[in-house]
Amino acid sequence: MNNIEKFLSDFRQLGELKGDKSGLIGQSIINGLEAVMLDMRMQQSYMSQCLGRMDDIEKQIRKAQSDIDNLRHECNDYERRVTEVINRDEPLNTLKHDFENLSINVRNNNSIISKIQSDVELAKVNLSTVKRQLKGISSAAPVQTVTQTAVTAPAVTAPAASDSEYETIDYFDFENHFRGSIESIKNAQRFYLKYFAGKNHVLDIGCGRGEFLSLLRENGIAAEGADVYEPYVEYCRMNGLKAVCMDGIDYLASLDKTDGIFVGQVVEHLEAHDIIRLCNTACEKLTEGGCIVIETPNPTSLAIYTNAFYIDPSHVKPVHPLTMKYYLEKAGFRNIEIIYPESSRPPHAIPELKCSSAENADEFNRAMKTVSDIIFGSQDYAVVAVK
């Protein structure tokens, strides 16, 4: 930077000595050099911001790891005290009360540890993202084309604005905040494992944080994931999962064959023509007896409209289960089942009217059961289709 500034100063002085202040070529060169300097200043400023973010994230990771160590020490202490309580010669009620309190403390600490570990993993992904941005800045040389008639505008290497919600927000952080913990999602998705038992290759389209990929690995089922959001792919790879960063339907189309496809919470992000392409490609690429499982928010439950669906700005529209079944039938699938998981049902219901003497009580309760299912039905449904 200093060399360019010195050259620019010398060049101006040279122009003044030669009486060529308004020379077109000289002014064009000066403009070009000034543009290069502006570009470099902006890059240096952005690099400084990135380095500051890296330092903050590394401090967060160190503090989180320290907190985990402290909590583990507390857990060990609680467990020691539990043993002491068990060995005390005191009334059973007293022992039970102390034991329950200590057990609650252990569970709470383990829950906090799990949350902090999740935060640490997220911080590592953020750190990796910042390092990638810095690498991009350092490897991008500012190129300016100087001609006799025009000078190219400075190129800024900071992230460009985009209409995509995946780029305008930190979607990884957004998902962690609203979707739920990784363990809670794994527990809910465990239900789908039975459809992939004995499969040789399962593709998880829109693998996200890798919850289902982890379940498949834990159960000895070979699998790989595809996702368009690079931080998700990096997170999966960091945890030893196989994942590629590209459109899942395009990746499926590139495969020779597969015997299992899982599409969890994806089709609500797609336009109708892409959902149809997904169904057609799945039927083409699945081996005989292979299956596809598609899970998505259930629009027949009004609860999704006051809860999860409109929280996510990347959702396009909910897909009705009968529409999803129709798409799969037209693609060539014949054995199709619609499932409403109990795990996604809200913990609310309209209670029955307990009054046997009331006129039409049974009819009223049946009607209210229907209303209750419409309002508080399963917030997700899954379509399972076998080729």
Protein backbone atom coordinates (compact mmCIF):
# COMPACT_ATOMS: atom_id res chain seq x y z
CA MET A 1 0.00 0.00 0.00
CA ASN A 2 2.82 2.45 0.94
CA ASN A 3 4.64 1.73 -2.34
CA ILE A 4 1.51 2.47 -4.37
CA GLU A 5 0.92 5.72 -2.45
CA LYS A 6 4.54 6.80 -3.03
CA PHE A 7 4.33 5.95 -6.74
CA LEU A 8 1.06 7.88 -7.03
CA SER A 9 2.58 10.92 -5.31
CA ASP A 10 5.69 10.80 -7.54
CA PHE A 11 3.52 10.37 -10.65
CA ARG A 12 1.42 13.44 -9.75
CA GLN A 13 4.58 15.50 -9.20
CA LEU A 14 5.98 14.29 -12.51
CA GLY A 15 2.77 15.34 -14.27
CA GLU A 16 2.98 18.80 -12.71
CA LEU A 17 6.63 19.21 -13.77
CA LYS A 18 5.81 18.25 -17.35
CA GLY A 19 2.71 20.47 -17.41
CA ASP A 20 0.48 17.47 -18.17
CA LYS A 21 -2.10 17.88 -15.38
CA SER A 22 -5.03 17.26 -17.70
CA GLY A 23 -3.44 14.53 -19.82
CA LEU A 24 -5.99 11.73 -20.44
CA ILE A 25 -3.57 8.83 -20.04
CA GLY A 26 -1.97 10.26 -16.91
CA GLN A 27 -5.33 10.94 -15.26
CA SER A 28 -6.57 7.47 -16.22
CA ILE A 29 -3.57 5.87 -14.53
CA ILE A 30 -4.06 8.03 -11.43
CA ASN A 31 -7.75 7.05 -11.27
CA GLY A 32 -6.87 3.39 -11.66
CA LEU A 33 -4.27 3.47 -8.89
CA GLU A 34 -6.66 5.29 -6.56
CA ALA A 35 -9.30 2.61 -7.26
CA VAL A 36 -6.78 -0.12 -6.43
CA MET A 37 -5.90 1.63 -3.16
CA LEU A 38 -9.58 1.98 -2.23
CA ASP A 39 -10.14 -1.72 -2.95
CA MET A 40 -7.15 -2.69 -0.81
CA ARG A 41 -8.29 -0.48 2.08
CA MET A 42 -11.75 -2.08 1.99
CA GLN A 43 -10.22 -5.56 1.93
CA GLN A 44 -7.93 -4.73 4.84
CA SER A 45 -10.89 -3.39 6.81
CA TYR A 46 -12.91 -6.55 6.13
CA MET A 47 -9.93 -8.75 7.05
CA SER A 48 -9.62 -6.88 10.36
CA GLN A 49 -13.31 -7.53 11.06
CA CYS A 50 -12.88 -11.23 10.27
CA LEU A 51 -9.82 -11.52 12.50
CA GLY A 52 -11.77 -9.85 15.29
CA ARG A 53 -14.62 -12.34 14.84
CA MET A 54 -12.15 -15.24 14.89
CA ASP A 55 -10.69 -13.99 18.15
CA ASP A 56 -14.15 -13.64 19.72
CA ILE A 57 -15.21 -17.13 18.58
CA GLU A 58 -12.00 -18.72 19.89
CA LYS A 59 -12.60 -17.02 23.25
CA GLN A 60 -16.18 -18.38 23.27
CA ILE A 61 -14.90 -21.90 22.57
CA ARG A 62 -12.30 -21.69 25.36
CA LYS A 63 -14.89 -20.41 27.85
CA ALA A 64 -17.42 -23.09 26.82
CA GLN A 65 -14.84 -25.84 27.25
CA SER A 66 -13.95 -24.45 30.67
CA ASP A 67 -17.64 -24.39 31.62
CA ILE A 68 -17.99 -28.01 30.52
CA ASP A 69 -15.03 -29.03 32.71
CA ASN A 70 -16.53 -27.23 35.71
CA LEU A 71 -19.95 -28.83 35.18
CA ARG A 72 -18.39 -32.28 34.88
CA HIS A 73 -16.60 -31.73 38.19
CA GLU A 74 -19.94 -30.78 39.71
CA CYS A 75 -21.54 -33.93 38.30
CA ASN A 76 -18.76 -36.04 39.79
CA ASP A 77 -19.31 -34.32 43.13
CA TYR A 78 -23.08 -34.92 42.93
CA GLU A 79 -22.53 -38.59 42.14
CA ARG A 80 -20.19 -38.92 45.12
CA ARG A 81 -22.85 -37.34 47.33
CA VAL A 82 -25.49 -39.70 45.90
CA THR A 83 -23.34 -42.61 47.05
CA GLU A 84 -23.07 -41.02 50.48
CA VAL A 85 -26.84 -40.59 50.65
CA ILE A 86 -27.41 -44.24 49.73
CA ASN A 87 -25.04 -45.36 52.49
CA ARG A 88 -26.57 -43.13 55.18
CA ASP A 89 -28.53 -44.79 57.93
CA GLU A 90 -31.48 -42.41 57.90
CA PRO A 91 -35.26 -42.63 57.32
CA LEU A 92 -36.20 -43.65 53.79
CA ASN A 93 -38.16 -40.44 53.11
CA THR A 94 -35.14 -38.27 53.90
CA LEU A 95 -32.86 -40.40 51.76
CA LYS A 96 -35.36 -40.36 48.88
CA HIS A 97 -35.70 -36.55 49.03
CA ASP A 98 -31.92 -35.98 49.03
CA PHE A 99 -31.38 -38.55 46.30
CA GLU A 100 -34.01 -36.98 44.05
CA ASN A 101 -32.54 -33.50 44.50
CA LEU A 102 -29.05 -34.69 43.64
CA SER A 103 -30.34 -36.67 40.64
CA ILE A 104 -32.11 -33.55 39.34
CA ASN A 105 -28.86 -31.60 39.66
CA VAL A 106 -26.97 -34.25 37.69
CA ARG A 107 -29.62 -34.29 34.93
CA ASN A 108 -29.66 -30.49 34.76
CA ASN A 109 -25.89 -30.34 34.50
CA ASN A 110 -25.82 -33.00 31.79
CA SER A 111 -28.46 -31.03 29.88
CA ILE A 112 -26.39 -27.84 30.18
CA ILE A 113 -23.26 -29.73 29.06
CA SER A 114 -25.12 -31.01 25.99
CA LYS A 115 -26.29 -27.47 25.15
CA ILE A 116 -22.78 -26.02 25.58
CA GLN A 117 -21.28 -28.78 23.43
CA SER A 118 -23.80 -27.92 20.71
CA ASP A 119 -22.80 -24.25 21.01
CA VAL A 120 -19.12 -25.23 20.74
CA GLU A 121 -19.78 -27.20 17.55
CA LEU A 122 -21.67 -24.22 16.10
CA ALA A 123 -18.79 -21.90 17.06
CA LYS A 124 -16.34 -24.22 15.29
CA VAL A 125 -18.44 -24.04 12.13
CA ASN A 126 -18.55 -20.23 12.40
CA LEU A 127 -14.78 -20.19 12.86
CA SER A 128 -14.34 -22.35 9.78
CA THR A 129 -16.59 -20.01 7.79
CA VAL A 130 -14.60 -16.93 8.82
CA LYS A 131 -11.32 -18.66 7.95
CA ARG A 132 -12.73 -19.50 4.53
CA GLN A 133 -13.71 -15.85 4.02
CA LEU A 134 -10.23 -14.71 5.01
CA LYS A 135 -8.67 -17.22 2.62
CA GLY A 136 -10.86 -15.86 -0.16
CA ILE A 137 -9.77 -12.28 0.58
CA SER A 138 -6.07 -13.08 0.75
CA SER A 139 -6.14 -15.06 -2.52
CA ALA A 140 -8.19 -12.50 -4.46
CA ALA A 141 -5.87 -9.96 -6.03
CA PRO A 142 -7.56 -6.65 -6.82
CA VAL A 143 -7.57 -6.38 -10.61
CA GLN A 144 -8.08 -2.98 -12.22
CA THR A 145 -8.18 -2.45 -15.96
CA VAL A 146 -6.78 0.93 -16.96
CA THR A 147 -7.49 2.13 -20.48
CA GLN A 148 -7.30 5.47 -22.21
CA THR A 149 -11.05 5.94 -21.99
CA ALA A 150 -12.31 4.13 -18.87
CA VAL A 151 -11.29 2.82 -15.46
CA THR A 152 -12.94 -0.27 -13.92
CA ALA A 153 -14.72 0.30 -10.58
CA PRO A 154 -13.06 -1.21 -7.50
CA ALA A 155 -13.92 -4.85 -6.76
CA VAL A 156 -14.96 -5.43 -3.13
CA THR A 157 -14.35 -8.92 -1.75
CA ALA A 158 -16.77 -8.63 1.17
CA PRO A 159 -19.85 -10.93 0.88
CA ALA A 160 -22.26 -9.69 -1.75
CA ALA A 161 -25.90 -9.01 -0.99
CA SER A 162 -28.30 -11.79 -2.00
CA ASP A 163 -32.01 -12.42 -2.10
CA SER A 164 -31.50 -15.92 -0.68
CA GLU A 165 -32.52 -16.29 2.96
CA TYR A 166 -29.66 -18.79 3.36
CA GLU A 167 -27.20 -15.97 2.70
CA THR A 168 -28.97 -13.00 4.29
CA ILE A 169 -29.23 -14.72 7.69
CA ASP A 170 -26.98 -17.14 9.58
CA TYR A 171 -29.24 -20.09 8.81
CA PHE A 172 -27.19 -22.49 10.94
CA ASP A 173 -27.76 -20.33 14.01
CA PHE A 174 -31.40 -19.80 13.01
CA GLU A 175 -31.98 -23.56 12.79
CA ASN A 176 -30.31 -24.19 16.15
CA HIS A 177 -32.52 -21.54 17.72
CA PHE A 178 -35.89 -22.70 16.34
CA ARG A 179 -35.67 -26.31 15.14
CA GLY A 180 -34.64 -27.86 18.43
CA SER A 181 -31.57 -29.68 19.71
CA ILE A 182 -29.83 -32.27 17.58
CA GLU A 183 -30.72 -35.00 20.09
CA SER A 184 -34.42 -34.09 20.11
CA ILE A 185 -34.55 -34.24 16.29
CA LYS A 186 -32.73 -37.59 16.29
CA ASN A 187 -35.24 -38.96 18.78
CA ALA A 188 -38.12 -37.87 16.54
CA GLN A 189 -36.50 -39.23 13.37
CA ARG A 190 -35.66 -42.59 14.95
CA PHE A 191 -39.16 -43.66 13.89
CA TYR A 192 -38.06 -43.73 10.22
CA LEU A 193 -35.10 -46.09 10.69
CA LYS A 194 -37.25 -49.19 10.16
CA TYR A 195 -37.85 -48.20 6.54
CA PHE A 196 -34.12 -48.27 5.80
CA ALA A 197 -33.13 -51.44 7.67
CA GLY A 198 -30.84 -53.58 5.52
CA LYS A 199 -30.33 -50.90 2.87
CA ASN A 200 -26.94 -50.63 1.18
CA HIS A 201 -27.02 -46.95 0.28
CA VAL A 202 -29.29 -44.19 1.61
CA LEU A 203 -29.22 -40.61 0.35
CA ASP A 204 -30.35 -37.91 2.78
CA ILE A 205 -31.48 -34.96 0.65
CA GLY A 206 -31.26 -31.72 2.64
CA CYS A 207 -29.21 -33.43 5.35
CA GLY A 208 -28.88 -30.22 7.44
CA ARG A 209 -27.01 -30.80 10.67
CA GLY A 210 -26.79 -34.54 9.94
CA GLU A 211 -29.23 -35.88 12.53
CA PHE A 212 -30.57 -38.68 10.31
CA LEU A 213 -27.14 -39.41 8.86
CA SER A 214 -25.91 -39.94 12.44
CA LEU A 215 -28.82 -42.30 13.17
CA LEU A 216 -28.09 -44.33 10.04
CA ARG A 217 -24.39 -44.56 10.92
CA GLU A 218 -25.19 -45.63 14.49
CA ASN A 219 -27.35 -48.43 13.05
CA GLY A 220 -24.78 -49.64 10.54
CA ILE A 221 -26.55 -48.29 7.44
CA ALA A 222 -24.34 -46.77 4.73
CA ALA A 223 -25.49 -43.26 3.89
CA GLU A 224 -24.47 -39.91 2.51
CA GLY A 225 -26.08 -36.48 2.54
CA ALA A 226 -26.50 -33.56 0.17
CA ASP A 227 -27.29 -29.98 1.11
CA VAL A 228 -27.05 -26.63 -0.67
CA TYR A 229 -25.98 -24.82 2.54
CA GLU A 230 -22.22 -25.13 2.92
CA PRO A 231 -22.01 -24.63 6.73
CA TYR A 232 -24.27 -27.68 7.17
CA VAL A 233 -22.03 -29.77 4.95
CA GLU A 234 -18.93 -28.60 6.83
CA TYR A 235 -20.61 -29.47 10.14
CA CYS A 236 -21.50 -32.97 8.89
CA ARG A 237 -17.97 -33.58 7.67
CA MET A 238 -16.57 -32.29 10.94
CA ASN A 239 -18.55 -35.06 12.64
CA GLY A 240 -17.26 -37.73 10.29
CA LEU A 241 -20.39 -37.90 8.12
CA LYS A 242 -20.29 -38.13 4.33
CA ALA A 243 -21.92 -35.10 2.71
CA VAL A 244 -21.68 -33.06 -0.49
CA CYS A 245 -22.55 -29.41 -1.03
CA MET A 246 -24.92 -29.32 -3.99
CA ASP A 247 -28.59 -29.49 -4.91
CA GLY A 248 -29.92 -32.79 -3.57
CA ILE A 249 -32.09 -33.57 -6.61
CA ASP A 250 -29.17 -32.91 -8.96
CA TYR A 251 -26.96 -35.16 -6.84
CA LEU A 252 -29.60 -37.91 -6.87
CA ALA A 253 -29.78 -37.63 -10.67
CA SER A 254 -25.99 -38.13 -10.86
CA LEU A 255 -26.15 -41.48 -9.02
CA ASP A 256 -26.44 -44.80 -10.82
CA LYS A 257 -28.81 -46.28 -8.24
CA THR A 258 -29.75 -46.06 -4.56
CA ASP A 259 -32.06 -48.17 -2.41
CA GLY A 260 -33.15 -45.50 0.06
CA ILE A 261 -33.91 -41.78 0.03
CA PHE A 262 -34.77 -39.62 3.04
CA VAL A 263 -36.11 -36.08 2.50
CA GLY A 264 -36.73 -34.47 5.89
CA GLN A 265 -38.25 -30.97 6.08
CA VAL A 266 -37.27 -30.05 2.52
CA VAL A 267 -40.24 -30.02 0.13
CA GLU A 268 -41.81 -27.02 1.89
CA HIS A 269 -38.77 -25.06 0.64
CA LEU A 270 -39.38 -26.08 -2.99
CA GLU A 271 -41.59 -24.95 -5.84
CA ALA A 272 -44.08 -27.48 -7.26
CA HIS A 273 -41.99 -28.25 -10.38
CA ASP A 274 -38.98 -29.11 -8.18
CA ILE A 275 -41.07 -31.44 -5.98
CA ILE A 276 -42.32 -33.21 -9.12
CA ARG A 277 -38.73 -33.49 -10.38
CA LEU A 278 -37.71 -34.96 -7.00
CA CYS A 279 -40.44 -37.64 -7.20
CA ASN A 280 -39.65 -38.52 -10.83
CA THR A 281 -35.89 -38.72 -10.22
CA ALA A 282 -36.41 -40.79 -7.05
CA CYS A 283 -38.53 -43.35 -8.92
CA GLU A 284 -35.94 -43.52 -11.68
CA LYS A 285 -32.94 -43.99 -9.38
CA LEU A 286 -34.41 -46.28 -6.69
CA THR A 287 -33.81 -50.02 -7.03
CA GLU A 288 -36.80 -52.36 -6.90
CA GLY A 289 -37.98 -52.49 -3.28
CA GLY A 290 -36.18 -49.25 -2.47
CA CYS A 291 -38.13 -46.57 -0.62
CA ILE A 292 -38.35 -42.82 -0.25
CA VAL A 293 -39.50 -41.15 2.96
CA ILE A 294 -40.59 -37.51 2.71
CA GLU A 295 -41.33 -35.63 5.96
CA THR A 296 -42.80 -32.13 5.86
CA PRO A 297 -45.10 -29.82 7.89
CA ASN A 298 -48.72 -30.97 7.91
CA PRO A 299 -51.08 -28.28 6.52
CA THR A 300 -54.14 -30.22 7.75
CA SER A 301 -53.06 -29.23 11.28
CA LEU A 302 -53.75 -25.56 12.00
CA ALA A 303 -51.07 -25.65 14.68
CA ILE A 304 -48.30 -25.28 12.07
CA TYR A 305 -49.53 -21.83 11.09
CA THR A 306 -49.14 -20.48 14.62
CA ASN A 307 -45.90 -22.34 15.29
CA ALA A 308 -43.06 -23.48 13.09
CA PHE A 309 -44.08 -22.91 9.48
CA TYR A 310 -44.04 -19.12 9.19
CA ILE A 311 -41.09 -18.72 11.53
CA ASP A 312 -38.79 -19.92 8.75
CA PRO A 313 -38.43 -17.26 6.01
CA SER A 314 -37.15 -19.83 3.50
CA HIS A 315 -40.42 -21.81 3.47
CA VAL A 316 -42.36 -21.48 0.20
CA LYS A 317 -45.71 -23.12 1.04
CA PRO A 318 -46.97 -26.22 2.83
CA VAL A 319 -47.65 -29.29 0.68
CA HIS A 320 -50.92 -31.14 1.34
CA PRO A 321 -50.39 -34.87 2.02
CA LEU A 322 -52.79 -35.85 -0.77
CA THR A 323 -50.87 -33.62 -3.18
CA MET A 324 -47.61 -35.29 -2.16
CA LYS A 325 -49.17 -38.72 -2.61
CA TYR A 326 -50.47 -37.69 -6.06
CA TYR A 327 -47.00 -36.53 -7.18
CA LEU A 328 -45.50 -39.87 -6.11
CA GLU A 329 -48.23 -41.88 -7.82
CA LYS A 330 -47.72 -39.98 -11.08
CA ALA A 331 -43.96 -40.61 -10.80
CA GLY A 332 -44.61 -44.36 -10.78
CA PHE A 333 -44.79 -45.34 -7.11
CA ARG A 334 -47.63 -47.67 -6.15
CA ASN A 335 -47.09 -48.66 -2.51
CA ILE A 336 -47.65 -45.31 -0.74
CA GLU A 337 -48.48 -44.67 2.91
CA ILE A 338 -49.19 -41.39 4.73
CA ILE A 339 -48.06 -41.28 8.38
CA TYR A 340 -48.80 -38.72 11.10
CA PRO A 341 -46.09 -39.09 13.79
CA GLU A 342 -47.27 -38.74 17.36
CA SER A 343 -43.94 -37.14 18.25
CA SER A 344 -44.96 -34.00 16.33
CA ARG A 345 -48.38 -33.64 17.94
CA PRO A 346 -48.70 -30.53 20.19
CA PRO A 347 -49.24 -31.30 23.89
CA HIS A 348 -52.77 -29.88 23.79
CA ALA A 349 -56.26 -31.20 23.11
CA ILE A 350 -59.85 -30.17 23.68
CA PRO A 351 -61.04 -32.26 26.65
CA GLU A 352 -64.21 -34.32 26.49
CA LEU A 353 -67.33 -33.02 28.14
CA LYS A 354 -67.85 -35.28 31.18
CA CYS A 355 -71.61 -35.06 31.46
CA SER A 356 -73.44 -38.23 30.47
CA SER A 357 -76.84 -36.72 31.25
CA ALA A 358 -76.37 -33.80 28.84
CA GLU A 359 -78.35 -34.05 25.62
CA ASN A 360 -76.18 -34.99 22.60
CA ALA A 361 -73.04 -35.25 24.81
CA ASP A 362 -71.53 -38.07 22.74
CA GLU A 363 -72.22 -36.26 19.48
CA PHE A 364 -70.71 -33.07 20.90
CA ASN A 365 -67.57 -34.92 22.03
CA ARG A 366 -67.13 -36.58 18.63
CA ALA A 367 -67.42 -33.21 16.93
CA MET A 368 -64.95 -31.61 19.33
CA LYS A 369 -62.52 -34.51 18.79
CA THR A 370 -62.55 -33.64 15.08
CA VAL A 371 -61.98 -29.96 15.87
CA SER A 372 -59.19 -30.88 18.28
CA ASP A 373 -57.45 -32.98 15.62
CA ILE A 374 -57.70 -30.12 13.11
CA ILE A 375 -56.24 -27.61 15.56
CA PHE A 376 -53.82 -29.82 17.47
CA GLY A 377 -53.05 -32.61 14.99
CA SER A 378 -49.52 -33.81 14.17
CA GLN A 379 -47.52 -30.85 12.93
CA ASP A 380 -45.60 -33.11 10.52
CA TYR A 381 -46.59 -35.91 8.22
CA ALA A 382 -44.48 -38.37 6.27
CA VAL A 383 -45.15 -40.09 2.98
CA VAL A 384 -43.46 -43.46 2.56
CA ALA A 385 -43.34 -44.78 -0.99
CA VAL A 386 -41.81 -48.08 -2.09
CA LYS A 387 -40.83 -48.78 -5.70
